[in-house]
Amino acid sequence: MRNCASLLIMSSASSKAELDRLDQKYDQAAPGWADKMRLLGYFDAYLGFLSSDPLADLGRNALDIGCGTGAFAEARTVIRPEGDIALLEPSARMLHLAHSALQRRGFDATLIQSRLDDFQPEARFDCLLAAHVLEHCADPTEALRQMRDLAEPGAMLWLVVSKPHWCNAIIWFQWRHRTYRPETVVKMLSRSGWDLQAEHSFPTGPPSRTSRGYRATAI
């Protein structure tokens, strides 16, 4: 289950059309997405992941890549209610809902309606969040390299990726996402400029069956 809209990295005209169609699907799904995420336990799962190591840095200038309705970013604000956070998301409706969710927490986030490969920030970030983004990338290793280019040296990446499970087979029928075994994700991180610090198994509910967390630092 994703908490973010698509950030595929494709260049052909047909791929662009696929991107646009997927963005439209996320626009349509946006109104009930936040409630669905909470009901299925993803907000609590992200909260547990981000608090799994009290010594791990959540940064002062964070970026949530493919933020969707903001569940991952909102979880960060609960743990660290200081600093700045930017929301990167191609779906306008998802972005609006994410902004509203953070405003209710007293956070006024920076909004960036863009895909990952089109985003060119003025400054790098010291904390990156990315939940269920790689599953929709044509080249996930290249997507991780692009994330690395957005990060300061030593910045922390909090990554959540779909893993093989029959629950994801059901989700695939709607979203056509990929799944990756943990050893594959570890190799992709190593090849793209990230140093894996820890893996995280979500303990309960749908997140325990669909997802796995990875914490890495920018080399």
Protein backbone atom coordinates (compact mmCIF):
# COMPACT_ATOMS: atom_id res chain seq x y z
CA MET A 1 0.00 0.00 0.00
CA ARG A 2 1.45 3.31 -1.03
CA ASN A 3 1.37 6.60 0.83
CA CYS A 4 2.61 8.50 -2.22
CA ALA A 5 1.78 9.15 -5.81
CA SER A 6 3.90 7.87 -8.66
CA LEU A 7 7.44 9.15 -9.26
CA LEU A 8 8.29 6.90 -12.21
CA ILE A 9 11.42 7.71 -14.19
CA MET A 10 10.53 7.23 -17.86
CA SER A 11 11.26 9.18 -21.04
CA SER A 12 9.10 7.89 -23.91
CA ALA A 13 5.80 9.44 -24.95
CA SER A 14 3.91 6.30 -23.94
CA SER A 15 5.58 6.37 -20.53
CA LYS A 16 4.60 10.01 -20.08
CA ALA A 17 1.01 9.04 -20.81
CA GLU A 18 1.23 6.26 -18.20
CA LEU A 19 2.55 8.76 -15.67
CA ASP A 20 -0.28 11.15 -16.34
CA ARG A 21 -2.88 8.39 -16.01
CA LEU A 22 -1.38 7.26 -12.71
CA ASP A 23 -1.36 10.82 -11.38
CA GLN A 24 -5.04 11.07 -12.30
CA LYS A 25 -5.76 7.84 -10.41
CA TYR A 26 -4.08 9.24 -7.31
CA ASP A 27 -5.98 12.51 -7.69
CA GLN A 28 -9.22 10.51 -7.72
CA ALA A 29 -8.18 8.37 -4.74
CA ALA A 30 -6.95 11.33 -2.67
CA PRO A 31 -10.15 12.26 -0.75
CA GLY A 32 -10.30 9.00 1.23
CA TRP A 33 -6.61 8.13 1.17
CA ALA A 34 -5.54 9.54 4.54
CA ASP A 35 -8.35 7.80 6.44
CA LYS A 36 -7.59 4.55 4.64
CA MET A 37 -3.89 4.79 5.54
CA ARG A 38 -4.70 5.27 9.23
CA LEU A 39 -7.28 2.49 9.25
CA LEU A 40 -4.78 0.04 7.77
CA GLY A 41 -2.13 1.05 10.29
CA TYR A 42 0.41 2.79 8.05
CA PHE A 43 0.62 6.00 10.05
CA ASP A 44 1.37 4.03 13.22
CA ALA A 45 3.85 1.88 11.26
CA TYR A 46 5.74 4.95 10.05
CA LEU A 47 5.69 6.39 13.55
CA GLY A 48 7.23 3.19 14.90
CA PHE A 49 9.86 3.09 12.16
CA LEU A 50 10.98 6.68 12.67
CA SER A 51 11.22 6.17 16.44
CA SER A 52 12.93 2.75 16.21
CA ASP A 53 16.33 4.27 17.02
CA PRO A 54 16.24 7.32 19.30
CA LEU A 55 19.79 8.21 18.23
CA ALA A 56 18.96 8.31 14.51
CA ASP A 57 18.77 11.84 13.14
CA LEU A 58 15.50 13.12 11.67
CA GLY A 59 17.20 16.29 10.48
CA ARG A 60 16.21 19.94 10.49
CA ASN A 61 15.60 20.29 6.75
CA ALA A 62 13.64 17.24 5.61
CA LEU A 63 12.09 16.19 2.31
CA ASP A 64 9.23 13.70 1.92
CA ILE A 65 9.52 12.26 -1.58
CA GLY A 66 6.16 11.20 -2.99
CA CYS A 67 4.41 12.36 0.16
CA GLY A 68 0.86 11.39 -0.83
CA THR A 69 -1.47 12.62 1.89
CA GLY A 70 1.46 13.15 4.24
CA ALA A 71 1.38 10.14 6.59
CA PHE A 72 5.17 9.70 6.67
CA ALA A 73 5.88 13.43 7.01
CA GLU A 74 3.20 13.78 9.67
CA ALA A 75 4.73 10.93 11.67
CA ARG A 76 8.06 12.76 11.59
CA THR A 77 6.49 15.95 12.94
CA VAL A 78 5.08 14.00 15.90
CA ILE A 79 8.57 12.84 16.84
CA ARG A 80 10.45 15.99 15.83
CA PRO A 81 8.19 19.06 15.92
CA GLU A 82 11.03 21.40 14.91
CA GLY A 83 12.82 22.31 11.72
CA ASP A 84 11.56 22.49 8.15
CA ILE A 85 9.98 19.93 5.88
CA ALA A 86 9.24 19.98 2.16
CA LEU A 87 6.61 17.81 0.48
CA LEU A 88 7.38 16.52 -3.03
CA GLU A 89 4.36 15.10 -4.85
CA PRO A 90 3.05 15.15 -8.45
CA SER A 91 -0.64 14.80 -7.47
CA ALA A 92 -2.11 18.21 -6.66
CA ARG A 93 -4.92 16.78 -4.54
CA MET A 94 -2.59 14.54 -2.54
CA LEU A 95 -0.27 17.48 -1.97
CA HIS A 96 -3.12 19.68 -0.72
CA LEU A 97 -4.26 17.01 1.74
CA ALA A 98 -0.71 16.46 2.99
CA HIS A 99 -0.32 20.18 3.56
CA SER A 100 -3.56 20.27 5.53
CA ALA A 101 -2.49 17.30 7.66
CA LEU A 102 0.77 19.00 8.64
CA GLN A 103 -0.96 22.32 9.28
CA ARG A 104 -3.18 20.58 11.82
CA ARG A 105 0.07 19.61 13.57
CA GLY A 106 1.22 23.24 13.54
CA PHE A 107 3.61 22.71 10.60
CA ASP A 108 3.63 24.92 7.51
CA ALA A 109 5.44 22.72 4.98
CA THR A 110 6.96 23.78 1.68
CA LEU A 111 4.92 22.33 -1.20
CA ILE A 112 6.56 21.09 -4.40
CA GLN A 113 4.31 19.66 -7.10
CA SER A 114 6.83 17.70 -9.13
CA ARG A 115 8.18 14.27 -9.90
CA LEU A 116 11.51 13.22 -8.50
CA ASP A 117 13.43 13.43 -11.78
CA ASP A 118 12.17 16.98 -12.46
CA PHE A 119 13.00 18.37 -9.02
CA GLN A 120 16.03 20.69 -8.76
CA PRO A 121 16.22 22.23 -5.28
CA GLU A 122 18.30 25.26 -4.35
CA ALA A 123 19.77 23.45 -1.32
CA ARG A 124 20.26 19.86 -0.21
CA PHE A 125 18.36 18.15 2.60
CA ASP A 126 19.64 16.49 5.79
CA CYS A 127 16.76 14.00 6.04
CA LEU A 128 14.85 12.22 3.27
CA LEU A 129 11.63 10.21 3.63
CA ALA A 130 10.44 7.95 0.81
CA ALA A 131 7.64 5.43 1.33
CA HIS A 132 6.52 3.17 -1.51
CA VAL A 133 8.22 5.18 -4.23
CA LEU A 134 10.73 2.73 -5.72
CA GLU A 135 7.95 0.30 -6.64
CA HIS A 136 6.81 2.67 -9.37
CA CYS A 137 10.22 3.58 -10.78
CA ALA A 138 11.39 2.10 -14.07
CA ASP A 139 14.97 2.21 -12.72
CA PRO A 140 14.86 2.12 -8.90
CA THR A 141 18.64 2.29 -8.54
CA GLU A 142 18.70 5.49 -10.57
CA ALA A 143 15.87 6.84 -8.41
CA LEU A 144 17.98 6.18 -5.32
CA ARG A 145 20.90 8.00 -6.98
CA GLN A 146 18.65 10.97 -7.61
CA MET A 147 17.62 10.91 -3.96
CA ARG A 148 21.31 10.82 -3.03
CA ASP A 149 21.89 13.92 -5.14
CA LEU A 150 19.27 15.71 -3.03
CA ALA A 151 21.00 14.81 0.24
CA GLU A 152 23.82 16.39 2.19
CA PRO A 153 26.73 14.05 3.03
CA GLY A 154 25.72 12.06 6.07
CA ALA A 155 22.01 12.79 5.60
CA MET A 156 19.60 10.04 6.63
CA LEU A 157 17.26 8.26 4.23
CA TRP A 158 14.18 6.59 5.72
CA LEU A 159 12.96 4.25 2.99
CA VAL A 160 9.90 1.98 2.89
CA VAL A 161 9.58 -0.55 0.06
CA SER A 162 6.96 -3.15 -0.84
CA LYS A 163 8.10 -6.74 -0.36
CA PRO A 164 6.82 -9.94 -2.01
CA HIS A 165 3.59 -11.11 -0.33
CA TRP A 166 0.18 -12.20 -1.54
CA CYS A 167 -1.30 -8.95 -0.16
CA ASN A 168 0.81 -7.03 -2.65
CA ALA A 169 -0.49 -9.25 -5.44
CA ILE A 170 -3.96 -7.93 -4.63
CA ILE A 171 -2.73 -4.31 -4.55
CA TRP A 172 -0.95 -4.84 -7.88
CA PHE A 173 -4.25 -5.20 -9.73
CA GLN A 174 -5.03 -1.54 -9.04
CA TRP A 175 -1.62 0.13 -8.94
CA ARG A 176 0.70 -2.15 -10.98
CA HIS A 177 3.53 -1.65 -8.51
CA ARG A 178 6.66 -3.80 -8.12
CA THR A 179 7.93 -5.59 -5.03
CA TYR A 180 11.56 -6.12 -3.99
CA ARG A 181 13.23 -8.65 -1.74
CA PRO A 182 15.32 -7.12 1.05
CA GLU A 183 18.62 -8.31 -0.43
CA THR A 184 17.76 -6.54 -3.68
CA VAL A 185 17.01 -3.27 -1.92
CA VAL A 186 20.28 -3.54 0.02
CA LYS A 187 22.23 -3.93 -3.24
CA MET A 188 20.44 -0.98 -4.84
CA LEU A 189 21.25 1.24 -1.87
CA SER A 190 24.92 0.26 -2.00
CA ARG A 191 25.13 0.97 -5.73
CA SER A 192 23.52 4.40 -5.44
CA GLY A 193 25.63 6.10 -2.77
CA TRP A 194 23.83 5.04 0.40
CA ASP A 195 25.28 3.22 3.42
CA LEU A 196 22.68 0.92 4.99
CA GLN A 197 22.41 1.39 8.74
CA ALA A 198 19.45 -0.80 9.64
CA GLU A 199 16.45 -2.70 8.32
CA HIS A 200 13.06 -2.51 9.98
CA SER A 201 10.32 -5.14 10.12
CA PHE A 202 6.88 -3.68 10.75
CA PRO A 203 5.40 -5.69 13.61
CA THR A 204 1.65 -5.80 12.95
CA GLY A 205 -1.19 -5.34 10.48
CA PRO A 206 -1.01 -4.82 6.71
CA PRO A 207 2.35 -2.99 6.92
CA SER A 208 3.93 -6.15 8.37
CA ARG A 209 2.84 -8.08 5.29
CA THR A 210 3.36 -5.53 2.53
CA SER A 211 6.36 -3.43 3.54
CA ARG A 212 9.88 -3.28 4.93
CA GLY A 213 11.85 -0.28 6.20
CA TYR A 214 15.47 0.66 5.47
CA ARG A 215 17.56 3.37 7.12
CA ALA A 216 20.68 4.54 5.29
CA THR A 217 23.08 7.47 5.32
CA ALA A 218 24.38 9.41 2.33
CA ILE A 219 28.01 8.61 1.57
